[in-house]
Amino acid sequence: MATRSEPLSIESLLQKQKAEKEAAAKPKFLSKEERAKLAIAKRAQEIREQKEREEASQKDRETLEREANELRRKEMGSSNSFPLLLNLNYRRGPLRPPGAR
């Protein structure tokens, strides 16, 4: 015959949880080497996360630029006029207020 294990009582579960909380609440003193290792690991994680954010930002930027270029090509293809010249006075130099030389 197989023996059945008894279910844990509520009191024993509560006592176990209380002991775990107390153990977690106690400060753990780390050696200088352990603190240094933790600091290095934390910094490495921060650098990794920063690099991931920068890569995601770069990908987003490239996607937006590609879409903008496609829109420009479509607009240029559908337009029968010449590109607009923004500075029509390009031979005269920069624009100056009247009376200034």
PDB file of N, CA and C in Angstrom:
ATOM      1  N   MET A   1       0.835  -1.178   0.000  1.00  0.00           N
ATOM      2  CA  MET A   1       0.000   0.000   0.000  1.00  0.00           C
ATOM      3  C   MET A   1       0.880   1.242   0.000  1.00  0.00           C
ATOM      4  N   ALA A   2       0.463   2.211  -0.790  1.00  0.00           N
ATOM      5  CA  ALA A   2       1.222   3.455  -0.881  1.00  0.00           C
ATOM      6  C   ALA A   2       0.853   4.367   0.281  1.00  0.00           C
ATOM      7  N   THR A   3       1.843   5.016   0.816  1.00  0.00           N
ATOM      8  CA  THR A   3       1.567   5.940   1.916  1.00  0.00           C
ATOM      9  C   THR A   3       1.281   7.310   1.340  1.00  0.00           C
ATOM     10  N   ARG A   4       0.292   7.963   1.893  1.00  0.00           N
ATOM     11  CA  ARG A   4      -0.071   9.315   1.449  1.00  0.00           C
ATOM     12  C   ARG A   4       0.574  10.324   2.357  1.00  0.00           C
ATOM     13  N   SER A   5       1.110  11.368   1.736  1.00  0.00           N
ATOM     14  CA  SER A   5       1.668  12.424   2.571  1.00  0.00           C
ATOM     15  C   SER A   5       0.532  13.359   2.972  1.00  0.00           C
ATOM     16  N   GLU A   6       0.633  13.866   4.156  1.00  0.00           N
ATOM     17  CA  GLU A   6      -0.410  14.755   4.654  1.00  0.00           C
ATOM     18  C   GLU A   6      -0.215  16.151   4.071  1.00  0.00           C
ATOM     19  N   PRO A   7      -1.303  16.851   3.775  1.00  0.00           N
ATOM     20  CA  PRO A   7      -1.161  18.223   3.293  1.00  0.00           C
ATOM     21  C   PRO A   7      -0.587  19.100   4.410  1.00  0.00           C
ATOM     22  N   LEU A   8       0.159  20.109   3.993  1.00  0.00           N
ATOM     23  CA  LEU A   8       0.744  21.009   4.974  1.00  0.00           C
ATOM     24  C   LEU A   8      -0.344  21.798   5.685  1.00  0.00           C
ATOM     25  N   SER A   9      -0.149  21.999   6.943  1.00  0.00           N
ATOM     26  CA  SER A   9      -1.140  22.767   7.698  1.00  0.00           C
ATOM     27  C   SER A   9      -0.916  24.258   7.462  1.00  0.00           C
ATOM     28  N   ILE A  10      -1.942  25.024   7.717  1.00  0.00           N
ATOM     29  CA  ILE A  10      -1.871  26.471   7.531  1.00  0.00           C
ATOM     30  C   ILE A  10      -0.838  27.075   8.465  1.00  0.00           C
ATOM     31  N   GLU A  11      -0.792  26.560   9.692  1.00  0.00           N
ATOM     32  CA  GLU A  11       0.167  27.112  10.662  1.00  0.00           C
ATOM     33  C   GLU A  11       1.600  26.907  10.186  1.00  0.00           C
ATOM     34  N   SER A  12       1.892  25.726   9.664  1.00  0.00           N
ATOM     35  CA  SER A  12       3.260  25.468   9.210  1.00  0.00           C
ATOM     36  C   SER A  12       3.608  26.332   7.996  1.00  0.00           C
ATOM     37  N   LEU A  13       2.626  26.568   7.107  1.00  0.00           N
ATOM     38  CA  LEU A  13       2.868  27.452   5.956  1.00  0.00           C
ATOM     39  C   LEU A  13       3.128  28.879   6.412  1.00  0.00           C
ATOM     40  N   LEU A  14       2.313  29.360   7.353  1.00  0.00           N
ATOM     41  CA  LEU A  14       2.506  30.712   7.865  1.00  0.00           C
ATOM     42  C   LEU A  14       3.850  30.853   8.566  1.00  0.00           C
ATOM     43  N   GLN A  15       4.219  29.845   9.317  1.00  0.00           N
ATOM     44  CA  GLN A  15       5.485  29.872  10.037  1.00  0.00           C
ATOM     45  C   GLN A  15       6.661  29.883   9.048  1.00  0.00           C
ATOM     46  N   LYS A  16       6.532  29.114   7.985  1.00  0.00           N
ATOM     47  CA  LYS A  16       7.580  29.058   6.967  1.00  0.00           C
ATOM     48  C   LYS A  16       7.711  30.416   6.267  1.00  0.00           C
ATOM     49  N   GLN A  17       6.574  31.032   5.905  1.00  0.00           N
ATOM     50  CA  GLN A  17       6.591  32.347   5.262  1.00  0.00           C
ATOM     51  C   GLN A  17       7.193  33.394   6.175  1.00  0.00           C
ATOM     52  N   LYS A  18       6.851  33.349   7.455  1.00  0.00           N
ATOM     53  CA  LYS A  18       7.377  34.309   8.419  1.00  0.00           C
ATOM     54  C   LYS A  18       8.888  34.158   8.531  1.00  0.00           C
ATOM     55  N   ALA A  19       9.366  32.925   8.570  1.00  0.00           N
ATOM     56  CA  ALA A  19      10.810  32.685   8.663  1.00  0.00           C
ATOM     57  C   ALA A  19      11.532  33.200   7.421  1.00  0.00           C
ATOM     58  N   GLU A  20      10.927  33.021   6.239  1.00  0.00           N
ATOM     59  CA  GLU A  20      11.531  33.517   5.001  1.00  0.00           C
ATOM     60  C   GLU A  20      11.589  35.038   4.988  1.00  0.00           C
ATOM     61  N   LYS A  21      10.508  35.684   5.450  1.00  0.00           N
ATOM     62  CA  LYS A  21      10.488  37.148   5.500  1.00  0.00           C
ATOM     63  C   LYS A  21      11.540  37.678   6.455  1.00  0.00           C
ATOM     64  N   GLU A  22      11.670  37.039   7.603  1.00  0.00           N
ATOM     65  CA  GLU A  22      12.667  37.472   8.579  1.00  0.00           C
ATOM     66  C   GLU A  22      14.080  37.300   8.028  1.00  0.00           C
ATOM     67  N   ALA A  23      14.308  36.203   7.329  1.00  0.00           N
ATOM     68  CA  ALA A  23      15.632  35.968   6.748  1.00  0.00           C
ATOM     69  C   ALA A  23      15.938  37.005   5.667  1.00  0.00           C
ATOM     70  N   ALA A  24      14.930  37.368   4.898  1.00  0.00           N
ATOM     71  CA  ALA A  24      15.127  38.359   3.848  1.00  0.00           C
ATOM     72  C   ALA A  24      15.304  39.757   4.429  1.00  0.00           C
ATOM     73  N   ALA A  25      14.727  40.031   5.579  1.00  0.00           N
ATOM     74  CA  ALA A  25      14.804  41.351   6.190  1.00  0.00           C
ATOM     75  C   ALA A  25      16.160  41.608   6.845  1.00  0.00           C
ATOM     76  N   LYS A  26      16.846  40.552   7.219  1.00  0.00           N
ATOM     77  CA  LYS A  26      18.147  40.722   7.858  1.00  0.00           C
ATOM     78  C   LYS A  26      19.156  41.231   6.837  1.00  0.00           C
ATOM     79  N   PRO A  27      19.962  42.203   7.222  1.00  0.00           N
ATOM     80  CA  PRO A  27      20.963  42.699   6.274  1.00  0.00           C
ATOM     81  C   PRO A  27      22.040  41.647   6.023  1.00  0.00           C
ATOM     82  N   LYS A  28      22.449  41.565   4.772  1.00  0.00           N
ATOM     83  CA  LYS A  28      23.499  40.629   4.420  1.00  0.00           C
ATOM     84  C   LYS A  28      24.763  41.453   4.190  1.00  0.00           C
ATOM     85  N   PHE A  29      25.770  41.207   4.940  1.00  0.00           N
ATOM     86  CA  PHE A  29      27.005  41.951   4.821  1.00  0.00           C
ATOM     87  C   PHE A  29      27.894  41.289   3.782  1.00  0.00           C
ATOM     88  N   LEU A  30      28.300  42.098   2.809  1.00  0.00           N
ATOM     89  CA  LEU A  30      29.110  41.595   1.715  1.00  0.00           C
ATOM     90  C   LEU A  30      30.550  42.050   1.874  1.00  0.00           C
ATOM     91  N   SER A  31      31.440  41.223   1.414  1.00  0.00           N
ATOM     92  CA  SER A  31      32.852  41.612   1.444  1.00  0.00           C
ATOM     93  C   SER A  31      33.093  42.639   0.350  1.00  0.00           C
ATOM     94  N   LYS A  32      34.240  43.262   0.403  1.00  0.00           N
ATOM     95  CA  LYS A  32      34.588  44.276  -0.579  1.00  0.00           C
ATOM     96  C   LYS A  32      34.626  43.663  -1.984  1.00  0.00           C
ATOM     97  N   GLU A  33      35.133  42.456  -2.092  1.00  0.00           N
ATOM     98  CA  GLU A  33      35.202  41.772  -3.383  1.00  0.00           C
ATOM     99  C   GLU A  33      33.803  41.473  -3.925  1.00  0.00           C
ATOM    100  N   GLU A  34      32.897  41.024  -3.044  1.00  0.00           N
ATOM    101  CA  GLU A  34      31.535  40.717  -3.466  1.00  0.00           C
ATOM    102  C   GLU A  34      30.813  41.986  -3.930  1.00  0.00           C
ATOM    103  N   ARG A  35      31.020  43.093  -3.207  1.00  0.00           N
ATOM    104  CA  ARG A  35      30.409  44.369  -3.616  1.00  0.00           C
ATOM    105  C   ARG A  35      30.944  44.806  -4.975  1.00  0.00           C
ATOM    106  N   ALA A  36      32.249  44.631  -5.174  1.00  0.00           N
ATOM    107  CA  ALA A  36      32.853  45.019  -6.446  1.00  0.00           C
ATOM    108  C   ALA A  36      32.290  44.167  -7.587  1.00  0.00           C
ATOM    109  N   LYS A  37      32.153  42.865  -7.364  1.00  0.00           N
ATOM    110  CA  LYS A  37      31.596  41.979  -8.387  1.00  0.00           C
ATOM    111  C   LYS A  37      30.165  42.384  -8.729  1.00  0.00           C
ATOM    112  N   LEU A  38      29.379  42.674  -7.698  1.00  0.00           N
ATOM    113  CA  LEU A  38      27.990  43.087  -7.930  1.00  0.00           C
ATOM    114  C   LEU A  38      27.930  44.406  -8.705  1.00  0.00           C
ATOM    115  N   ALA A  39      28.811  45.342  -8.347  1.00  0.00           N
ATOM    116  CA  ALA A  39      28.835  46.633  -9.027  1.00  0.00           C
ATOM    117  C   ALA A  39      29.216  46.462 -10.498  1.00  0.00           C
ATOM    118  N   ILE A  40      30.184  45.601 -10.767  1.00  0.00           N
ATOM    119  CA  ILE A  40      30.605  45.359 -12.152  1.00  0.00           C
ATOM    120  C   ILE A  40      29.474  44.711 -12.941  1.00  0.00           C
ATOM    121  N   ALA A  41      28.802  43.736 -12.341  1.00  0.00           N
ATOM    122  CA  ALA A  41      27.696  43.069 -13.023  1.00  0.00           C
ATOM    123  C   ALA A  41      26.546  44.046 -13.297  1.00  0.00           C
ATOM    124  N   LYS A  42      26.266  44.912 -12.327  1.00  0.00           N
ATOM    125  CA  LYS A  42      25.197  45.899 -12.495  1.00  0.00           C
ATOM    126  C   LYS A  42      25.541  46.869 -13.622  1.00  0.00           C
ATOM    127  N   ARG A  43      26.778  47.327 -13.651  1.00  0.00           N
ATOM    128  CA  ARG A  43      27.215  48.270 -14.687  1.00  0.00           C
ATOM    129  C   ARG A  43      27.178  47.614 -16.070  1.00  0.00           C
ATOM    130  N   ALA A  44      27.589  46.350 -16.132  1.00  0.00           N
ATOM    131  CA  ALA A  44      27.546  45.633 -17.407  1.00  0.00           C
ATOM    132  C   ALA A  44      26.104  45.518 -17.907  1.00  0.00           C
ATOM    133  N   GLN A  45      25.184  45.253 -17.001  1.00  0.00           N
ATOM    134  CA  GLN A  45      23.765  45.168 -17.370  1.00  0.00           C
ATOM    135  C   GLN A  45      23.257  46.522 -17.864  1.00  0.00           C
ATOM    136  N   GLU A  46      23.642  47.608 -17.185  1.00  0.00           N
ATOM    137  CA  GLU A  46      23.223  48.947 -17.607  1.00  0.00           C
ATOM    138  C   GLU A  46      23.751  49.260 -19.004  1.00  0.00           C
ATOM    139  N   ILE A  47      25.017  48.908 -19.259  1.00  0.00           N
ATOM    140  CA  ILE A  47      25.609  49.154 -20.570  1.00  0.00           C
ATOM    141  C   ILE A  47      24.879  48.352 -21.638  1.00  0.00           C
ATOM    142  N   ARG A  48      24.570  47.095 -21.333  1.00  0.00           N
ATOM    143  CA  ARG A  48      23.853  46.242 -22.274  1.00  0.00           C
ATOM    144  C   ARG A  48      22.483  46.838 -22.606  1.00  0.00           C
ATOM    145  N   GLU A  49      21.764  47.302 -21.578  1.00  0.00           N
ATOM    146  CA  GLU A  49      20.440  47.891 -21.802  1.00  0.00           C
ATOM    147  C   GLU A  49      20.541  49.177 -22.621  1.00  0.00           C
ATOM    148  N   GLN A  50      21.544  50.006 -22.318  1.00  0.00           N
ATOM    149  CA  GLN A  50      21.742  51.250 -23.074  1.00  0.00           C
ATOM    150  C   GLN A  50      22.034  50.943 -24.538  1.00  0.00           C
ATOM    151  N   LYS A  51      22.865  49.943 -24.783  1.00  0.00           N
ATOM    152  CA  LYS A  51      23.199  49.560 -26.148  1.00  0.00           C
ATOM    153  C   LYS A  51      21.957  49.069 -26.896  1.00  0.00           C
ATOM    154  N   GLU A  52      21.118  48.286 -26.213  1.00  0.00           N
ATOM    155  CA  GLU A  52      19.884  47.804 -26.831  1.00  0.00           C
ATOM    156  C   GLU A  52      18.955  48.966 -27.174  1.00  0.00           C
ATOM    157  N   ARG A  53      18.864  49.958 -26.269  1.00  0.00           N
ATOM    158  CA  ARG A  53      18.015  51.123 -26.542  1.00  0.00           C
ATOM    159  C   ARG A  53      18.549  51.903 -27.741  1.00  0.00           C
ATOM    160  N   GLU A  54      19.867  52.070 -27.809  1.00  0.00           N
ATOM    161  CA  GLU A  54      20.467  52.805 -28.924  1.00  0.00           C
ATOM    162  C   GLU A  54      20.250  52.074 -30.245  1.00  0.00           C
ATOM    163  N   GLU A  55      20.389  50.740 -30.224  1.00  0.00           N
ATOM    164  CA  GLU A  55      20.164  49.959 -31.444  1.00  0.00           C
ATOM    165  C   GLU A  55      18.717  50.064 -31.897  1.00  0.00           C
ATOM    166  N   ALA A  56      17.785  50.006 -30.958  1.00  0.00           N
ATOM    167  CA  ALA A  56      16.369  50.130 -31.306  1.00  0.00           C
ATOM    168  C   ALA A  56      16.080  51.515 -31.873  1.00  0.00           C
ATOM    169  N   SER A  57      16.682  52.526 -31.276  1.00  0.00           N
ATOM    170  CA  SER A  57      16.502  53.889 -31.758  1.00  0.00           C
ATOM    171  C   SER A  57      17.065  54.042 -33.169  1.00  0.00           C
ATOM    172  N   GLN A  58      18.235  53.457 -33.403  1.00  0.00           N
ATOM    173  CA  GLN A  58      18.861  53.518 -34.724  1.00  0.00           C
ATOM    174  C   GLN A  58      17.987  52.824 -35.768  1.00  0.00           C
ATOM    175  N   LYS A  59      17.428  51.663 -35.417  1.00  0.00           N
ATOM    176  CA  LYS A  59      16.554  50.946 -36.350  1.00  0.00           C
ATOM    177  C   LYS A  59      15.310  51.773 -36.666  1.00  0.00           C
ATOM    178  N   ASP A  60      14.734  52.402 -35.640  1.00  0.00           N
ATOM    179  CA  ASP A  60      13.553  53.242 -35.861  1.00  0.00           C
ATOM    180  C   ASP A  60      13.891  54.413 -36.779  1.00  0.00           C
ATOM    181  N   ARG A  61      15.044  55.031 -36.542  1.00  0.00           N
ATOM    182  CA  ARG A  61      15.476  56.170 -37.351  1.00  0.00           C
ATOM    183  C   ARG A  61      15.670  55.742 -38.807  1.00  0.00           C
ATOM    184  N   GLU A  62      16.333  54.593 -39.005  1.00  0.00           N
ATOM    185  CA  GLU A  62      16.553  54.102 -40.366  1.00  0.00           C
ATOM    186  C   GLU A  62      15.232  53.795 -41.072  1.00  0.00           C
ATOM    187  N   THR A  63      14.288  53.223 -40.348  1.00  0.00           N
ATOM    188  CA  THR A  63      12.983  52.921 -40.926  1.00  0.00           C
ATOM    189  C   THR A  63      12.272  54.206 -41.336  1.00  0.00           C
ATOM    190  N   LEU A  64      12.290  55.201 -40.460  1.00  0.00           N
ATOM    191  CA  LEU A  64      11.636  56.468 -40.783  1.00  0.00           C
ATOM    192  C   LEU A  64      12.295  57.150 -41.979  1.00  0.00           C
ATOM    193  N   GLU A  65      13.626  57.122 -42.034  1.00  0.00           N
ATOM    194  CA  GLU A  65      14.319  57.735 -43.160  1.00  0.00           C
ATOM    195  C   GLU A  65      14.004  57.006 -44.459  1.00  0.00           C
ATOM    196  N   ARG A  66      13.941  55.676 -44.417  1.00  0.00           N
ATOM    197  CA  ARG A  66      13.613  54.893 -45.607  1.00  0.00           C
ATOM    198  C   ARG A  66      12.204  55.241 -46.093  1.00  0.00           C
ATOM    199  N   GLU A  67      11.250  55.331 -45.147  1.00  0.00           N
ATOM    200  CA  GLU A  67       9.877  55.684 -45.525  1.00  0.00           C
ATOM    201  C   GLU A  67       9.806  57.090 -46.107  1.00  0.00           C
ATOM    202  N   ALA A  68      10.560  58.022 -45.518  1.00  0.00           N
ATOM    203  CA  ALA A  68      10.572  59.399 -46.024  1.00  0.00           C
ATOM    204  C   ALA A  68      11.153  59.437 -47.435  1.00  0.00           C
ATOM    205  N   ASN A  69      12.212  58.685 -47.677  1.00  0.00           N
ATOM    206  CA  ASN A  69      12.803  58.646 -49.017  1.00  0.00           C
ATOM    207  C   ASN A  69      11.839  58.053 -50.033  1.00  0.00           C
ATOM    208  N   GLU A  70      11.114  57.015 -49.640  1.00  0.00           N
ATOM    209  CA  GLU A  70      10.127  56.423 -50.542  1.00  0.00           C
ATOM    210  C   GLU A  70       9.023  57.419 -50.874  1.00  0.00           C
ATOM    211  N   LEU A  71       8.576  58.171 -49.867  1.00  0.00           N
ATOM    212  CA  LEU A  71       7.546  59.183 -50.116  1.00  0.00           C
ATOM    213  C   LEU A  71       8.063  60.259 -51.059  1.00  0.00           C
ATOM    214  N   ARG A  72       9.313  60.688 -50.859  1.00  0.00           N
ATOM    215  CA  ARG A  72       9.897  61.709 -51.739  1.00  0.00           C
ATOM    216  C   ARG A  72       9.958  61.202 -53.178  1.00  0.00           C
ATOM    217  N   ARG A  73      10.388  59.937 -53.354  1.00  0.00           N
ATOM    218  CA  ARG A  73      10.474  59.382 -54.698  1.00  0.00           C
ATOM    219  C   ARG A  73       9.098  59.318 -55.357  1.00  0.00           C
ATOM    220  N   LYS A  74       8.085  58.932 -54.570  1.00  0.00           N
ATOM    221  CA  LYS A  74       6.731  58.864 -55.120  1.00  0.00           C
ATOM    222  C   LYS A  74       6.248  60.249 -55.520  1.00  0.00           C
ATOM    223  N   GLU A  75       6.518  61.241 -54.674  1.00  0.00           N
ATOM    224  CA  GLU A  75       6.088  62.609 -54.972  1.00  0.00           C
ATOM    225  C   GLU A  75       6.817  63.155 -56.192  1.00  0.00           C
ATOM    226  N   MET A  76       8.093  62.869 -56.296  1.00  0.00           N
ATOM    227  CA  MET A  76       8.868  63.358 -57.435  1.00  0.00           C
ATOM    228  C   MET A  76       8.410  62.663 -58.715  1.00  0.00           C
ATOM    229  N   GLY A  77       8.058  61.395 -58.608  1.00  0.00           N
ATOM    230  CA  GLY A  77       7.605  60.654 -59.778  1.00  0.00           C
ATOM    231  C   GLY A  77       6.242  61.119 -60.263  1.00  0.00           C
ATOM    232  N   SER A  78       5.370  61.501 -59.356  1.00  0.00           N
ATOM    233  CA  SER A  78       4.023  61.928 -59.743  1.00  0.00           C
ATOM    234  C   SER A  78       3.995  63.388 -60.160  1.00  0.00           C
ATOM    235  N   SER A  79       5.006  64.157 -59.789  1.00  0.00           N
ATOM    236  CA  SER A  79       5.054  65.575 -60.114  1.00  0.00           C
ATOM    237  C   SER A  79       5.754  65.756 -61.460  1.00  0.00           C
ATOM    238  N   ASN A  80       5.160  66.555 -62.363  1.00  0.00           N
ATOM    239  CA  ASN A  80       5.758  66.809 -63.679  1.00  0.00           C
ATOM    240  C   ASN A  80       6.557  68.092 -63.689  1.00  0.00           C
ATOM    241  N   SER A  81       6.586  68.814 -62.591  1.00  0.00           N
ATOM    242  CA  SER A  81       7.309  70.078 -62.550  1.00  0.00           C
ATOM    243  C   SER A  81       8.724  69.847 -62.046  1.00  0.00           C
ATOM    244  N   PHE A  82       9.567  70.828 -62.284  1.00  0.00           N
ATOM    245  CA  PHE A  82      10.948  70.761 -61.821  1.00  0.00           C
ATOM    246  C   PHE A  82      10.998  70.947 -60.313  1.00  0.00           C
ATOM    247  N   PRO A  83      12.056  70.480 -59.700  1.00  0.00           N
ATOM    248  CA  PRO A  83      12.170  70.697 -58.250  1.00  0.00           C
ATOM    249  C   PRO A  83      12.192  72.184 -57.928  1.00  0.00           C
ATOM    250  N   LEU A  84      11.639  72.525 -56.816  1.00  0.00           N
ATOM    251  CA  LEU A  84      11.591  73.922 -56.396  1.00  0.00           C
ATOM    252  C   LEU A  84      12.970  74.410 -55.999  1.00  0.00           C
ATOM    253  N   LEU A  85      13.335  75.595 -56.442  1.00  0.00           N
ATOM    254  CA  LEU A  85      14.575  76.207 -55.975  1.00  0.00           C
ATOM    255  C   LEU A  85      14.218  77.065 -54.775  1.00  0.00           C
ATOM    256  N   LEU A  86      14.829  76.789 -53.662  1.00  0.00           N
ATOM    257  CA  LEU A  86      14.479  77.520 -52.455  1.00  0.00           C
ATOM    258  C   LEU A  86      15.082  78.913 -52.450  1.00  0.00           C
ATOM    259  N   ASN A  87      16.275  79.057 -52.979  1.00  0.00           N
ATOM    260  CA  ASN A  87      16.909  80.371 -52.988  1.00  0.00           C
ATOM    261  C   ASN A  87      17.066  80.792 -54.440  1.00  0.00           C
ATOM    262  N   LEU A  88      16.131  81.577 -54.924  1.00  0.00           N
ATOM    263  CA  LEU A  88      16.159  82.008 -56.309  1.00  0.00           C
ATOM    264  C   LEU A  88      17.247  83.046 -56.559  1.00  0.00           C
ATOM    265  N   ASN A  89      17.694  83.701 -55.538  1.00  0.00           N
ATOM    266  CA  ASN A  89      18.727  84.733 -55.672  1.00  0.00           C
ATOM    267  C   ASN A  89      20.096  84.147 -55.355  1.00  0.00           C
ATOM    268  N   TYR A  90      20.390  82.993 -55.834  1.00  0.00           N
ATOM    269  CA  TYR A  90      21.645  82.347 -55.473  1.00  0.00           C
ATOM    270  C   TYR A  90      22.853  83.071 -56.030  1.00  0.00           C
ATOM    271  N   ARG A  91      22.710  83.844 -57.127  1.00  0.00           N
ATOM    272  CA  ARG A  91      23.849  84.589 -57.683  1.00  0.00           C
ATOM    273  C   ARG A  91      24.115  85.874 -56.907  1.00  0.00           C
ATOM    274  N   ARG A  92      23.127  86.419 -56.281  1.00  0.00           N
ATOM    275  CA  ARG A  92      23.287  87.676 -55.564  1.00  0.00           C
ATOM    276  C   ARG A  92      23.863  87.476 -54.179  1.00  0.00           C
ATOM    277  N   GLY A  93      23.914  86.286 -53.689  1.00  0.00           N
ATOM    278  CA  GLY A  93      24.439  86.039 -52.354  1.00  0.00           C
ATOM    279  C   GLY A  93      23.310  85.961 -51.350  1.00  0.00           C
ATOM    280  N   PRO A  94      23.665  86.004 -50.068  1.00  0.00           N
ATOM    281  CA  PRO A  94      22.639  85.882 -49.036  1.00  0.00           C
ATOM    282  C   PRO A  94      21.721  87.095 -49.008  1.00  0.00           C
ATOM    283  N   LEU A  95      20.519  86.892 -48.569  1.00  0.00           N
ATOM    284  CA  LEU A  95      19.548  87.989 -48.473  1.00  0.00           C
ATOM    285  C   LEU A  95      19.928  88.899 -47.320  1.00  0.00           C
ATOM    286  N   ARG A  96      19.862  90.229 -47.599  1.00  0.00           N
ATOM    287  CA  ARG A  96      20.195  91.219 -46.575  1.00  0.00           C
ATOM    288  C   ARG A  96      19.014  92.178 -46.425  1.00  0.00           C
ATOM    289  N   PRO A  97      18.881  92.766 -45.263  1.00  0.00           N
ATOM    290  CA  PRO A  97      17.813  93.756 -45.106  1.00  0.00           C
ATOM    291  C   PRO A  97      18.101  94.968 -45.977  1.00  0.00           C
ATOM    292  N   PRO A  98      17.052  95.702 -46.383  1.00  0.00           N
ATOM    293  CA  PRO A  98      17.254  96.884 -47.232  1.00  0.00           C
ATOM    294  C   PRO A  98      18.171  97.891 -46.561  1.00  0.00           C
ATOM    295  N   GLY A  99      19.069  98.479 -47.350  1.00  0.00           N
ATOM    296  CA  GLY A  99      19.987  99.488 -46.828  1.00  0.00           C
ATOM    297  C   GLY A  99      21.269  98.916 -46.263  1.00  0.00           C
ATOM    298  N   ALA A 100      21.361  97.634 -46.030  1.00  0.00           N
ATOM    299  CA  ALA A 100      22.584  97.036 -45.510  1.00  0.00           C
ATOM    300  C   ALA A 100      23.463  96.578 -46.662  1.00  0.00           C
ATOM    301  N   ARG A 101      24.731  96.733 -46.534  1.00  0.00           N
ATOM    302  CA  ARG A 101      25.649  96.301 -47.588  1.00  0.00           C
ATOM    303  C   ARG A 101      26.448  95.129 -47.172  1.00  0.00           C
TER     304      ARG A 101
END
